[in-house]
Amino acid sequence: MFVEEYLKDLRRARYRPRAVGEYVLRSVRLSVESATHRPRGLAWVAMAGLGHLVFLFLIAVILSFHVDRALAMEFLVDTGWWLLGGLLWIAFHLRMFRRDEDLPRSGLGLPNFLTLGRLLTIPAFYLFITRNHLDLALAAFLLGGLSDVLDGYAARKLNASTRMGRIFDPLVDVLFNCGIVLGLTRSGYLPGWILALALIRYGLLWFGGAWIYIARGPVAVRPTALGKGIGVLTSGLVLGVVLTVTLAPAEAADQILELLDAAIGFALLITIVQVLVIGLYNIRHAGHVPEAHGALAVVLGKRGTDEPPEEGGVAGG
């Protein structure tokens, strides 16, 4: 997501406004040139977008005839904008493939295709939950969660992991989690302090990681045992919230939601502490993040000796 060669010039210029502008222009120029020199990649981006657009259109037709015409139109417009944004992000990061030949044989790869689909479930869930179509919101949530499982499985099974996917997937995960919590909060099913904790957690993780990278040097992006465990737990608890508001009787829903709120809050607090530890560790070792051992490996993540650290984010997840 960052260009270290250009960042070195930016650091030497002490982040003067003119230097920041030059960095942005050089980065955009590099992304555009890289994309135009990968016609096969651009073609696959367009094909992925077309495939998703057809799927969205079919869902909108079903909604129009069986639910509500206005809802169907809003669904198609909202998800269409998110699709366009996702396609532009992918196109601007085609430089992560050094050559067109580095693309997977299946184009951008099935994992990236599924991740793009998960991105589209975010506006769908938000629309359905805020319009009180709880069954449709549950379907969007389950579809997003299923795609998260399937893209990881496909990457391992098909050996289709890509540098772009290793950044795109966690980015979409963050957007998905924040979108779900925002939708539930706006609908009154989660208290505002849960949303605040989620934004603090992901803000520290991504914006803090970006600041360390820009100001100090490359940082490591590694999955962590704690991050995965808490992520699964939190997803299960949020699913519990969605199932409760969808299926539980009204007299029991309030009691269940109160317990789920407390559990989600504690889970988020644990991950906030983890992110702070990760940030301090990366600041201390900015530019060269050593492999974690022992108990630290659970919090910071442990990298195999043959796997170089990824650039563009902060360790952990």
C-alpha atoms as a PDB file:
ATOM      1  CA  MET A   1       0.000   0.000   0.000  1.00  0.00           C
ATOM      2  CA  PHE A   2       3.074   2.226   0.347  1.00  0.00           C
ATOM      3  CA  VAL A   3       6.160   2.698  -1.802  1.00  0.00           C
ATOM      4  CA  GLU A   4       9.190   2.479   0.460  1.00  0.00           C
ATOM      5  CA  GLU A   5      11.548   4.016  -2.116  1.00  0.00           C
ATOM      6  CA  TYR A   6       9.394   7.149  -2.262  1.00  0.00           C
ATOM      7  CA  LEU A   7       8.854   7.167   1.501  1.00  0.00           C
ATOM      8  CA  LYS A   8      12.609   7.434   2.056  1.00  0.00           C
ATOM      9  CA  ASP A   9      12.605  10.677   0.062  1.00  0.00           C
ATOM     10  CA  LEU A  10       9.591  11.878   2.050  1.00  0.00           C
ATOM     11  CA  ARG A  11      11.328  11.173   5.368  1.00  0.00           C
ATOM     12  CA  ARG A  12      14.470  13.005   4.211  1.00  0.00           C
ATOM     13  CA  ALA A  13      12.286  15.995   3.280  1.00  0.00           C
ATOM     14  CA  ARG A  14      10.782  15.908   6.809  1.00  0.00           C
ATOM     15  CA  TYR A  15       7.235  15.611   5.469  1.00  0.00           C
ATOM     16  CA  ARG A  16       7.051  19.143   4.088  1.00  0.00           C
ATOM     17  CA  PRO A  17       3.731  19.794   2.287  1.00  0.00           C
ATOM     18  CA  ARG A  18       5.429  19.955  -1.112  1.00  0.00           C
ATOM     19  CA  ALA A  19       7.194  16.646  -0.436  1.00  0.00           C
ATOM     20  CA  VAL A  20       3.895  15.048   0.614  1.00  0.00           C
ATOM     21  CA  GLY A  21       2.281  16.236  -2.624  1.00  0.00           C
ATOM     22  CA  GLU A  22       5.177  14.864  -4.666  1.00  0.00           C
ATOM     23  CA  TYR A  23       4.925  11.535  -2.857  1.00  0.00           C
ATOM     24  CA  VAL A  24       1.209  11.249  -3.630  1.00  0.00           C
ATOM     25  CA  LEU A  25       1.697  12.178  -7.303  1.00  0.00           C
ATOM     26  CA  ARG A  26       4.603   9.744  -7.731  1.00  0.00           C
ATOM     27  CA  SER A  27       2.625   6.938  -6.080  1.00  0.00           C
ATOM     28  CA  VAL A  28      -0.445   7.554  -8.227  1.00  0.00           C
ATOM     29  CA  ARG A  29       1.704   7.740 -11.355  1.00  0.00           C
ATOM     30  CA  LEU A  30       3.381   4.452 -10.442  1.00  0.00           C
ATOM     31  CA  SER A  31       0.023   2.747  -9.873  1.00  0.00           C
ATOM     32  CA  VAL A  32      -1.371   4.003 -13.186  1.00  0.00           C
ATOM     33  CA  GLU A  33       1.738   3.008 -15.136  1.00  0.00           C
ATOM     34  CA  SER A  34       1.829  -0.393 -13.466  1.00  0.00           C
ATOM     35  CA  ALA A  35      -1.826  -1.024 -14.291  1.00  0.00           C
ATOM     36  CA  THR A  36      -1.489   0.035 -17.943  1.00  0.00           C
ATOM     37  CA  HIS A  37       1.478  -2.318 -18.351  1.00  0.00           C
ATOM     38  CA  ARG A  38      -0.649  -5.215 -17.133  1.00  0.00           C
ATOM     39  CA  PRO A  39      -3.448  -5.460 -19.725  1.00  0.00           C
ATOM     40  CA  ARG A  40      -4.237  -9.033 -18.708  1.00  0.00           C
ATOM     41  CA  GLY A  41      -4.654  -7.920 -15.122  1.00  0.00           C
ATOM     42  CA  LEU A  42      -6.956  -5.043 -16.087  1.00  0.00           C
ATOM     43  CA  ALA A  43      -9.015  -7.415 -18.217  1.00  0.00           C
ATOM     44  CA  TRP A  44      -9.475  -9.749 -15.254  1.00  0.00           C
ATOM     45  CA  VAL A  45     -10.447  -6.811 -13.020  1.00  0.00           C
ATOM     46  CA  ALA A  46     -13.152  -5.906 -15.534  1.00  0.00           C
ATOM     47  CA  MET A  47     -14.329  -9.533 -15.753  1.00  0.00           C
ATOM     48  CA  ALA A  48     -14.507  -9.808 -11.960  1.00  0.00           C
ATOM     49  CA  GLY A  49     -16.534  -6.601 -11.828  1.00  0.00           C
ATOM     50  CA  LEU A  50     -18.886  -7.791 -14.555  1.00  0.00           C
ATOM     51  CA  GLY A  51     -19.472 -11.103 -12.807  1.00  0.00           C
ATOM     52  CA  HIS A  52     -20.335  -9.428  -9.523  1.00  0.00           C
ATOM     53  CA  LEU A  53     -22.517  -6.829 -11.255  1.00  0.00           C
ATOM     54  CA  VAL A  54     -24.615  -9.549 -12.905  1.00  0.00           C
ATOM     55  CA  PHE A  55     -25.057 -11.259  -9.533  1.00  0.00           C
ATOM     56  CA  LEU A  56     -26.069  -7.971  -7.888  1.00  0.00           C
ATOM     57  CA  PHE A  57     -28.549  -7.260 -10.679  1.00  0.00           C
ATOM     58  CA  LEU A  58     -30.197 -10.668 -10.264  1.00  0.00           C
ATOM     59  CA  ILE A  59     -30.537 -10.128  -6.512  1.00  0.00           C
ATOM     60  CA  ALA A  60     -32.042  -6.677  -7.159  1.00  0.00           C
ATOM     61  CA  VAL A  61     -34.605  -8.213  -9.543  1.00  0.00           C
ATOM     62  CA  ILE A  62     -35.619 -10.746  -6.891  1.00  0.00           C
ATOM     63  CA  LEU A  63     -35.895  -8.007  -4.266  1.00  0.00           C
ATOM     64  CA  SER A  64     -37.940  -5.850  -6.608  1.00  0.00           C
ATOM     65  CA  PHE A  65     -40.565  -8.540  -7.243  1.00  0.00           C
ATOM     66  CA  HIS A  66     -40.669 -10.202  -3.834  1.00  0.00           C
ATOM     67  CA  VAL A  67     -39.790  -7.503  -1.294  1.00  0.00           C
ATOM     68  CA  ASP A  68     -39.815  -3.850  -2.327  1.00  0.00           C
ATOM     69  CA  ARG A  69     -38.959  -2.003  -5.536  1.00  0.00           C
ATOM     70  CA  ALA A  70     -37.368   0.988  -3.781  1.00  0.00           C
ATOM     71  CA  LEU A  71     -35.263  -1.330  -1.607  1.00  0.00           C
ATOM     72  CA  ALA A  72     -34.077  -3.176  -4.711  1.00  0.00           C
ATOM     73  CA  MET A  73     -32.973   0.047  -6.401  1.00  0.00           C
ATOM     74  CA  GLU A  74     -31.191   1.269  -3.275  1.00  0.00           C
ATOM     75  CA  PHE A  75     -29.468  -2.114  -2.939  1.00  0.00           C
ATOM     76  CA  LEU A  76     -28.209  -2.021  -6.528  1.00  0.00           C
ATOM     77  CA  VAL A  77     -26.946   1.566  -6.275  1.00  0.00           C
ATOM     78  CA  ASP A  78     -25.235   1.130  -2.889  1.00  0.00           C
ATOM     79  CA  THR A  79     -23.512  -2.136  -3.720  1.00  0.00           C
ATOM     80  CA  GLY A  80     -22.625  -0.820  -7.184  1.00  0.00           C
ATOM     81  CA  TRP A  81     -20.640   2.064  -5.708  1.00  0.00           C
ATOM     82  CA  TRP A  82     -18.810  -0.300  -3.363  1.00  0.00           C
ATOM     83  CA  LEU A  83     -18.062  -2.609  -6.294  1.00  0.00           C
ATOM     84  CA  LEU A  84     -16.588   0.294  -8.237  1.00  0.00           C
ATOM     85  CA  GLY A  85     -14.448   1.307  -5.265  1.00  0.00           C
ATOM     86  CA  GLY A  86     -13.185  -2.240  -4.802  1.00  0.00           C
ATOM     87  CA  LEU A  87     -12.308  -2.584  -8.490  1.00  0.00           C
ATOM     88  CA  LEU A  88     -10.404   0.711  -8.456  1.00  0.00           C
ATOM     89  CA  TRP A  89      -8.451  -0.392  -5.378  1.00  0.00           C
ATOM     90  CA  ILE A  90      -7.479  -3.644  -7.082  1.00  0.00           C
ATOM     91  CA  ALA A  91      -6.550  -1.870 -10.330  1.00  0.00           C
ATOM     92  CA  PHE A  92      -4.330   0.615  -8.474  1.00  0.00           C
ATOM     93  CA  HIS A  93      -2.532  -2.251  -6.721  1.00  0.00           C
ATOM     94  CA  LEU A  94      -1.792  -4.399  -9.739  1.00  0.00           C
ATOM     95  CA  ARG A  95       1.829  -3.329  -9.269  1.00  0.00           C
ATOM     96  CA  MET A  96       1.954  -5.995  -6.541  1.00  0.00           C
ATOM     97  CA  PHE A  97       2.150  -8.399  -9.486  1.00  0.00           C
ATOM     98  CA  ARG A  98       5.542  -7.693 -11.045  1.00  0.00           C
ATOM     99  CA  ARG A  99       4.328  -8.910 -14.424  1.00  0.00           C
ATOM    100  CA  ASP A 100       1.081 -10.034 -16.004  1.00  0.00           C
ATOM    101  CA  GLU A 101       2.544 -13.549 -15.943  1.00  0.00           C
ATOM    102  CA  ASP A 102       2.626 -13.408 -12.138  1.00  0.00           C
ATOM    103  CA  LEU A 103      -1.184 -13.382 -12.013  1.00  0.00           C
ATOM    104  CA  PRO A 104      -2.812 -16.685 -11.010  1.00  0.00           C
ATOM    105  CA  ARG A 105      -4.039 -18.800 -13.905  1.00  0.00           C
ATOM    106  CA  SER A 106      -7.583 -18.019 -12.815  1.00  0.00           C
ATOM    107  CA  GLY A 107      -7.030 -14.311 -13.360  1.00  0.00           C
ATOM    108  CA  LEU A 108      -6.894 -12.346 -10.122  1.00  0.00           C
ATOM    109  CA  GLY A 109      -7.443 -15.614  -8.282  1.00  0.00           C
ATOM    110  CA  LEU A 110     -10.544 -17.127  -6.714  1.00  0.00           C
ATOM    111  CA  PRO A 111      -9.607 -15.858  -3.208  1.00  0.00           C
ATOM    112  CA  ASN A 112      -9.494 -12.228  -4.405  1.00  0.00           C
ATOM    113  CA  PHE A 113     -12.782 -12.727  -6.260  1.00  0.00           C
ATOM    114  CA  LEU A 114     -14.434 -14.008  -3.091  1.00  0.00           C
ATOM    115  CA  THR A 115     -12.938 -11.192  -1.028  1.00  0.00           C
ATOM    116  CA  LEU A 116     -14.403  -8.667  -3.473  1.00  0.00           C
ATOM    117  CA  GLY A 117     -17.768 -10.351  -2.981  1.00  0.00           C
ATOM    118  CA  ARG A 118     -17.452 -10.019   0.801  1.00  0.00           C
ATOM    119  CA  LEU A 119     -16.868  -6.304   0.329  1.00  0.00           C
ATOM    120  CA  LEU A 120     -20.302  -6.037  -1.297  1.00  0.00           C
ATOM    121  CA  THR A 121     -22.072  -7.663   1.643  1.00  0.00           C
ATOM    122  CA  ILE A 122     -21.161  -4.636   3.795  1.00  0.00           C
ATOM    123  CA  PRO A 123     -23.550  -2.101   2.194  1.00  0.00           C
ATOM    124  CA  ALA A 124     -26.115  -4.877   1.729  1.00  0.00           C
ATOM    125  CA  PHE A 125     -26.150  -5.737   5.441  1.00  0.00           C
ATOM    126  CA  TYR A 126     -26.222  -2.082   6.467  1.00  0.00           C
ATOM    127  CA  LEU A 127     -29.156  -1.373   4.141  1.00  0.00           C
ATOM    128  CA  PHE A 128     -31.180  -4.372   5.247  1.00  0.00           C
ATOM    129  CA  ILE A 129     -30.584  -3.992   8.997  1.00  0.00           C
ATOM    130  CA  THR A 130     -31.369  -0.264   9.008  1.00  0.00           C
ATOM    131  CA  ARG A 131     -34.533  -0.864   6.940  1.00  0.00           C
ATOM    132  CA  ASN A 132     -35.625  -3.580   9.396  1.00  0.00           C
ATOM    133  CA  HIS A 133     -35.396  -6.451   6.893  1.00  0.00           C
ATOM    134  CA  LEU A 134     -33.817  -8.719   9.478  1.00  0.00           C
ATOM    135  CA  ASP A 135     -33.959 -11.948   7.467  1.00  0.00           C
ATOM    136  CA  LEU A 136     -32.141 -10.309   4.553  1.00  0.00           C
ATOM    137  CA  ALA A 137     -29.579  -8.791   6.951  1.00  0.00           C
ATOM    138  CA  LEU A 138     -28.917 -12.256   8.384  1.00  0.00           C
ATOM    139  CA  ALA A 139     -28.463 -13.653   4.868  1.00  0.00           C
ATOM    140  CA  ALA A 140     -25.969 -10.892   3.981  1.00  0.00           C
ATOM    141  CA  PHE A 141     -24.036 -11.472   7.207  1.00  0.00           C
ATOM    142  CA  LEU A 142     -23.843 -15.231   6.665  1.00  0.00           C
ATOM    143  CA  LEU A 143     -22.803 -14.762   3.034  1.00  0.00           C
ATOM    144  CA  GLY A 144     -20.002 -12.406   4.095  1.00  0.00           C
ATOM    145  CA  GLY A 145     -18.822 -14.796   6.801  1.00  0.00           C
ATOM    146  CA  LEU A 146     -18.931 -17.768   4.418  1.00  0.00           C
ATOM    147  CA  SER A 147     -16.850 -15.909   1.826  1.00  0.00           C
ATOM    148  CA  ASP A 148     -14.260 -15.166   4.521  1.00  0.00           C
ATOM    149  CA  VAL A 149     -13.904 -18.891   5.204  1.00  0.00           C
ATOM    150  CA  LEU A 150     -13.925 -19.867   1.536  1.00  0.00           C
ATOM    151  CA  ASP A 151     -11.312 -17.352   0.336  1.00  0.00           C
ATOM    152  CA  GLY A 152      -8.805 -18.590   2.923  1.00  0.00           C
ATOM    153  CA  TYR A 153      -9.559 -22.209   2.052  1.00  0.00           C
ATOM    154  CA  ALA A 154      -9.220 -21.506  -1.675  1.00  0.00           C
ATOM    155  CA  ALA A 155      -5.897 -19.707  -1.159  1.00  0.00           C
ATOM    156  CA  ARG A 156      -4.470 -22.725   0.665  1.00  0.00           C
ATOM    157  CA  LYS A 157      -6.061 -25.453  -1.444  1.00  0.00           C
ATOM    158  CA  LEU A 158      -5.312 -23.887  -4.835  1.00  0.00           C
ATOM    159  CA  ASN A 159      -1.998 -22.348  -3.760  1.00  0.00           C
ATOM    160  CA  ALA A 160      -3.456 -19.063  -5.038  1.00  0.00           C
ATOM    161  CA  SER A 161      -2.201 -16.692  -2.347  1.00  0.00           C
ATOM    162  CA  THR A 162      -1.051 -13.333  -3.733  1.00  0.00           C
ATOM    163  CA  ARG A 163       0.702 -10.270  -2.279  1.00  0.00           C
ATOM    164  CA  MET A 164      -2.332  -8.174  -3.113  1.00  0.00           C
ATOM    165  CA  GLY A 165      -4.657 -10.665  -1.451  1.00  0.00           C
ATOM    166  CA  ARG A 166      -2.637 -10.616   1.756  1.00  0.00           C
ATOM    167  CA  ILE A 167      -3.419  -6.886   2.017  1.00  0.00           C
ATOM    168  CA  PHE A 168      -6.888  -6.838   0.408  1.00  0.00           C
ATOM    169  CA  ASP A 169      -8.334  -9.619   2.602  1.00  0.00           C
ATOM    170  CA  PRO A 170      -7.565  -8.077   6.033  1.00  0.00           C
ATOM    171  CA  LEU A 171      -8.600  -4.649   4.738  1.00  0.00           C
ATOM    172  CA  VAL A 172     -12.010  -6.016   3.730  1.00  0.00           C
ATOM    173  CA  ASP A 173     -12.224  -7.866   7.045  1.00  0.00           C
ATOM    174  CA  VAL A 174     -11.831  -4.573   8.909  1.00  0.00           C
ATOM    175  CA  LEU A 175     -14.437  -2.856   6.739  1.00  0.00           C
ATOM    176  CA  PHE A 176     -16.806  -5.802   7.129  1.00  0.00           C
ATOM    177  CA  ASN A 177     -16.517  -5.887  10.921  1.00  0.00           C
ATOM    178  CA  CYS A 178     -16.897  -2.118  11.239  1.00  0.00           C
ATOM    179  CA  GLY A 179     -19.841  -2.112   8.833  1.00  0.00           C
ATOM    180  CA  ILE A 180     -21.641  -4.835  10.763  1.00  0.00           C
ATOM    181  CA  VAL A 181     -21.147  -3.094  14.112  1.00  0.00           C
ATOM    182  CA  LEU A 182     -22.155   0.279  12.612  1.00  0.00           C
ATOM    183  CA  GLY A 183     -25.337  -1.195  11.135  1.00  0.00           C
ATOM    184  CA  LEU A 184     -26.298  -2.889  14.402  1.00  0.00           C
ATOM    185  CA  THR A 185     -25.567   0.311  16.329  1.00  0.00           C
ATOM    186  CA  ARG A 186     -27.577   2.532  13.997  1.00  0.00           C
ATOM    187  CA  SER A 187     -30.477   0.085  14.305  1.00  0.00           C
ATOM    188  CA  GLY A 188     -30.356   0.183  18.100  1.00  0.00           C
ATOM    189  CA  TYR A 189     -29.242  -3.426  18.593  1.00  0.00           C
ATOM    190  CA  LEU A 190     -25.774  -2.533  19.928  1.00  0.00           C
ATOM    191  CA  PRO A 191     -24.832   0.357  22.244  1.00  0.00           C
ATOM    192  CA  GLY A 192     -22.666   3.176  20.947  1.00  0.00           C
ATOM    193  CA  TRP A 193     -19.736   2.269  23.197  1.00  0.00           C
ATOM    194  CA  ILE A 194     -19.314  -1.042  21.327  1.00  0.00           C
ATOM    195  CA  LEU A 195     -18.948   0.888  18.077  1.00  0.00           C
ATOM    196  CA  ALA A 196     -16.460   3.246  19.760  1.00  0.00           C
ATOM    197  CA  LEU A 197     -14.327   0.310  20.951  1.00  0.00           C
ATOM    198  CA  ALA A 198     -14.395  -1.264  17.482  1.00  0.00           C
ATOM    199  CA  LEU A 199     -13.322   1.989  15.821  1.00  0.00           C
ATOM    200  CA  ILE A 200     -10.536   2.457  18.389  1.00  0.00           C
ATOM    201  CA  ARG A 201      -9.301  -1.089  17.799  1.00  0.00           C
ATOM    202  CA  TYR A 202      -9.215  -0.890  14.012  1.00  0.00           C
ATOM    203  CA  GLY A 203      -8.090   2.728  13.996  1.00  0.00           C
ATOM    204  CA  LEU A 204      -5.067   1.834  16.114  1.00  0.00           C
ATOM    205  CA  LEU A 205      -4.337  -1.202  13.973  1.00  0.00           C
ATOM    206  CA  TRP A 206      -4.493   0.418  10.539  1.00  0.00           C
ATOM    207  CA  PHE A 207      -3.865   4.133  11.039  1.00  0.00           C
ATOM    208  CA  GLY A 208      -1.303   3.438  13.746  1.00  0.00           C
ATOM    209  CA  GLY A 209       0.411   0.915  11.498  1.00  0.00           C
ATOM    210  CA  ALA A 210       0.382   3.364   8.599  1.00  0.00           C
ATOM    211  CA  TRP A 211       1.896   6.097  10.786  1.00  0.00           C
ATOM    212  CA  ILE A 212       4.692   3.802  11.982  1.00  0.00           C
ATOM    213  CA  TYR A 213       5.418   2.716   8.408  1.00  0.00           C
ATOM    214  CA  ILE A 214       5.475   6.248   7.024  1.00  0.00           C
ATOM    215  CA  ALA A 215       7.433   7.781   9.901  1.00  0.00           C
ATOM    216  CA  ARG A 216       9.812   4.992  10.874  1.00  0.00           C
ATOM    217  CA  GLY A 217      10.003   2.269   8.245  1.00  0.00           C
ATOM    218  CA  PRO A 218       8.527  -1.104   7.200  1.00  0.00           C
ATOM    219  CA  VAL A 219       6.466  -3.002   9.726  1.00  0.00           C
ATOM    220  CA  ALA A 220       5.407  -6.645   9.757  1.00  0.00           C
ATOM    221  CA  VAL A 221       1.946  -7.970   8.905  1.00  0.00           C
ATOM    222  CA  ARG A 222       1.459 -11.339  10.559  1.00  0.00           C
ATOM    223  CA  PRO A 223      -1.582 -13.314  11.676  1.00  0.00           C
ATOM    224  CA  THR A 224      -1.578 -13.947  15.410  1.00  0.00           C
ATOM    225  CA  ALA A 225      -3.027 -16.766  17.459  1.00  0.00           C
ATOM    226  CA  LEU A 226      -4.713 -14.282  19.778  1.00  0.00           C
ATOM    227  CA  GLY A 227      -6.024 -12.193  16.889  1.00  0.00           C
ATOM    228  CA  LYS A 228      -7.493 -15.232  15.135  1.00  0.00           C
ATOM    229  CA  GLY A 229      -9.032 -16.576  18.326  1.00  0.00           C
ATOM    230  CA  ILE A 230     -10.592 -13.275  19.346  1.00  0.00           C
ATOM    231  CA  GLY A 231     -11.707 -12.706  15.747  1.00  0.00           C
ATOM    232  CA  VAL A 232     -13.580 -16.013  15.675  1.00  0.00           C
ATOM    233  CA  LEU A 233     -15.066 -15.338  19.116  1.00  0.00           C
ATOM    234  CA  THR A 234     -16.155 -11.811  18.213  1.00  0.00           C
ATOM    235  CA  SER A 235     -17.668 -12.971  14.917  1.00  0.00           C
ATOM    236  CA  GLY A 236     -19.594 -15.648  16.799  1.00  0.00           C
ATOM    237  CA  LEU A 237     -20.850 -13.104  19.330  1.00  0.00           C
ATOM    238  CA  VAL A 238     -21.916 -10.681  16.594  1.00  0.00           C
ATOM    239  CA  LEU A 239     -23.663 -13.556  14.827  1.00  0.00           C
ATOM    240  CA  GLY A 240     -25.404 -14.178  18.144  1.00  0.00           C
ATOM    241  CA  VAL A 241     -26.624 -10.575  18.116  1.00  0.00           C
ATOM    242  CA  VAL A 242     -27.956 -10.911  14.567  1.00  0.00           C
ATOM    243  CA  LEU A 243     -29.639 -14.242  15.375  1.00  0.00           C
ATOM    244  CA  THR A 244     -31.118 -12.824  18.571  1.00  0.00           C
ATOM    245  CA  VAL A 245     -32.723  -9.805  16.909  1.00  0.00           C
ATOM    246  CA  THR A 246     -33.897 -12.025  14.050  1.00  0.00           C
ATOM    247  CA  LEU A 247     -35.185 -15.129  15.819  1.00  0.00           C
ATOM    248  CA  ALA A 248     -35.411 -14.636  19.599  1.00  0.00           C
ATOM    249  CA  PRO A 249     -38.751 -13.705  21.182  1.00  0.00           C
ATOM    250  CA  ALA A 250     -38.981 -10.084  22.271  1.00  0.00           C
ATOM    251  CA  GLU A 251     -39.167 -10.881  25.995  1.00  0.00           C
ATOM    252  CA  ALA A 252     -35.845 -12.773  25.886  1.00  0.00           C
ATOM    253  CA  ALA A 253     -33.988 -10.685  23.303  1.00  0.00           C
ATOM    254  CA  ASP A 254     -33.125  -7.794  25.646  1.00  0.00           C
ATOM    255  CA  GLN A 255     -31.549 -10.089  28.248  1.00  0.00           C
ATOM    256  CA  ILE A 256     -29.530 -11.993  25.641  1.00  0.00           C
ATOM    257  CA  LEU A 257     -28.358  -8.788  23.954  1.00  0.00           C
ATOM    258  CA  GLU A 258     -27.208  -7.371  27.286  1.00  0.00           C
ATOM    259  CA  LEU A 259     -24.974 -10.407  27.889  1.00  0.00           C
ATOM    260  CA  LEU A 260     -23.675 -10.333  24.320  1.00  0.00           C
ATOM    261  CA  ASP A 261     -22.828  -6.627  24.651  1.00  0.00           C
ATOM    262  CA  ALA A 262     -20.658  -7.322  27.691  1.00  0.00           C
ATOM    263  CA  ALA A 263     -18.896 -10.253  26.009  1.00  0.00           C
ATOM    264  CA  ILE A 264     -18.189  -8.281  22.823  1.00  0.00           C
ATOM    265  CA  GLY A 265     -16.900  -5.363  24.885  1.00  0.00           C
ATOM    266  CA  PHE A 266     -14.422  -7.547  26.777  1.00  0.00           C
ATOM    267  CA  ALA A 267     -13.240  -9.169  23.530  1.00  0.00           C
ATOM    268  CA  LEU A 268     -12.619  -5.764  21.947  1.00  0.00           C
ATOM    269  CA  LEU A 269     -10.779  -4.501  25.039  1.00  0.00           C
ATOM    270  CA  ILE A 270      -8.426  -7.499  24.879  1.00  0.00           C
ATOM    271  CA  THR A 271      -7.637  -6.829  21.225  1.00  0.00           C
ATOM    272  CA  ILE A 272      -7.087  -3.111  21.892  1.00  0.00           C
ATOM    273  CA  VAL A 273      -4.421  -4.035  24.448  1.00  0.00           C
ATOM    274  CA  GLN A 274      -2.937  -6.455  21.925  1.00  0.00           C
ATOM    275  CA  VAL A 275      -2.794  -3.780  19.225  1.00  0.00           C
ATOM    276  CA  LEU A 276      -1.072  -1.366  21.604  1.00  0.00           C
ATOM    277  CA  VAL A 277       1.577  -4.008  22.410  1.00  0.00           C
ATOM    278  CA  ILE A 278       2.027  -4.710  18.706  1.00  0.00           C
ATOM    279  CA  GLY A 279       2.401  -0.997  17.992  1.00  0.00           C
ATOM    280  CA  LEU A 280       5.047  -0.494  20.674  1.00  0.00           C
ATOM    281  CA  TYR A 281       6.924  -3.554  19.423  1.00  0.00           C
ATOM    282  CA  ASN A 282       6.892  -2.257  15.835  1.00  0.00           C
ATOM    283  CA  ILE A 283       7.982   1.237  16.911  1.00  0.00           C
ATOM    284  CA  ARG A 284      10.894  -0.261  18.800  1.00  0.00           C
ATOM    285  CA  HIS A 285      11.951  -2.445  15.868  1.00  0.00           C
ATOM    286  CA  ALA A 286      10.773  -0.230  12.973  1.00  0.00           C
ATOM    287  CA  GLY A 287      12.511  -1.132   9.737  1.00  0.00           C
ATOM    288  CA  HIS A 288      13.392  -4.632  10.922  1.00  0.00           C
ATOM    289  CA  VAL A 289      10.811  -6.544  12.950  1.00  0.00           C
ATOM    290  CA  PRO A 290      12.368  -9.729  14.384  1.00  0.00           C
ATOM    291  CA  GLU A 291      10.490 -12.984  14.672  1.00  0.00           C
ATOM    292  CA  ALA A 292       8.565 -13.321  17.922  1.00  0.00           C
ATOM    293  CA  HIS A 293       9.160 -16.291  20.182  1.00  0.00           C
ATOM    294  CA  GLY A 294       7.454 -17.834  23.188  1.00  0.00           C
ATOM    295  CA  ALA A 295       4.509 -16.005  24.706  1.00  0.00           C
ATOM    296  CA  LEU A 296       5.121 -12.986  22.457  1.00  0.00           C
ATOM    297  CA  ALA A 297       4.382 -15.122  19.399  1.00  0.00           C
ATOM    298  CA  VAL A 298       0.768 -15.456  20.571  1.00  0.00           C
ATOM    299  CA  VAL A 299       0.341 -11.678  20.781  1.00  0.00           C
ATOM    300  CA  LEU A 300       2.629 -10.519  17.954  1.00  0.00           C
ATOM    301  CA  GLY A 301       2.497 -13.433  15.548  1.00  0.00           C
ATOM    302  CA  LYS A 302       5.244 -15.839  14.544  1.00  0.00           C
ATOM    303  CA  ARG A 303       6.682 -15.802  11.040  1.00  0.00           C
ATOM    304  CA  GLY A 304       8.315 -18.774   9.401  1.00  0.00           C
ATOM    305  CA  THR A 305      11.996 -18.311   8.550  1.00  0.00           C
ATOM    306  CA  ASP A 306      11.311 -18.634   4.836  1.00  0.00           C
ATOM    307  CA  GLU A 307       8.517 -16.044   4.728  1.00  0.00           C
ATOM    308  CA  PRO A 308       9.501 -12.374   4.364  1.00  0.00           C
ATOM    309  CA  PRO A 309       7.476  -9.776   6.233  1.00  0.00           C
ATOM    310  CA  GLU A 310       4.751  -8.061   4.274  1.00  0.00           C
ATOM    311  CA  GLU A 311       4.912  -4.319   3.812  1.00  0.00           C
ATOM    312  CA  GLY A 312       2.127  -1.847   4.320  1.00  0.00           C
ATOM    313  CA  GLY A 313       0.570  -2.549   7.691  1.00  0.00           C
ATOM    314  CA  VAL A 314       1.108  -3.492  11.292  1.00  0.00           C
ATOM    315  CA  ALA A 315       1.755  -6.908  12.737  1.00  0.00           C
ATOM    316  CA  GLY A 316      -1.177  -8.836  14.025  1.00  0.00           C
ATOM    317  CA  GLY A 317      -4.793  -9.243  13.134  1.00  0.00           C
END
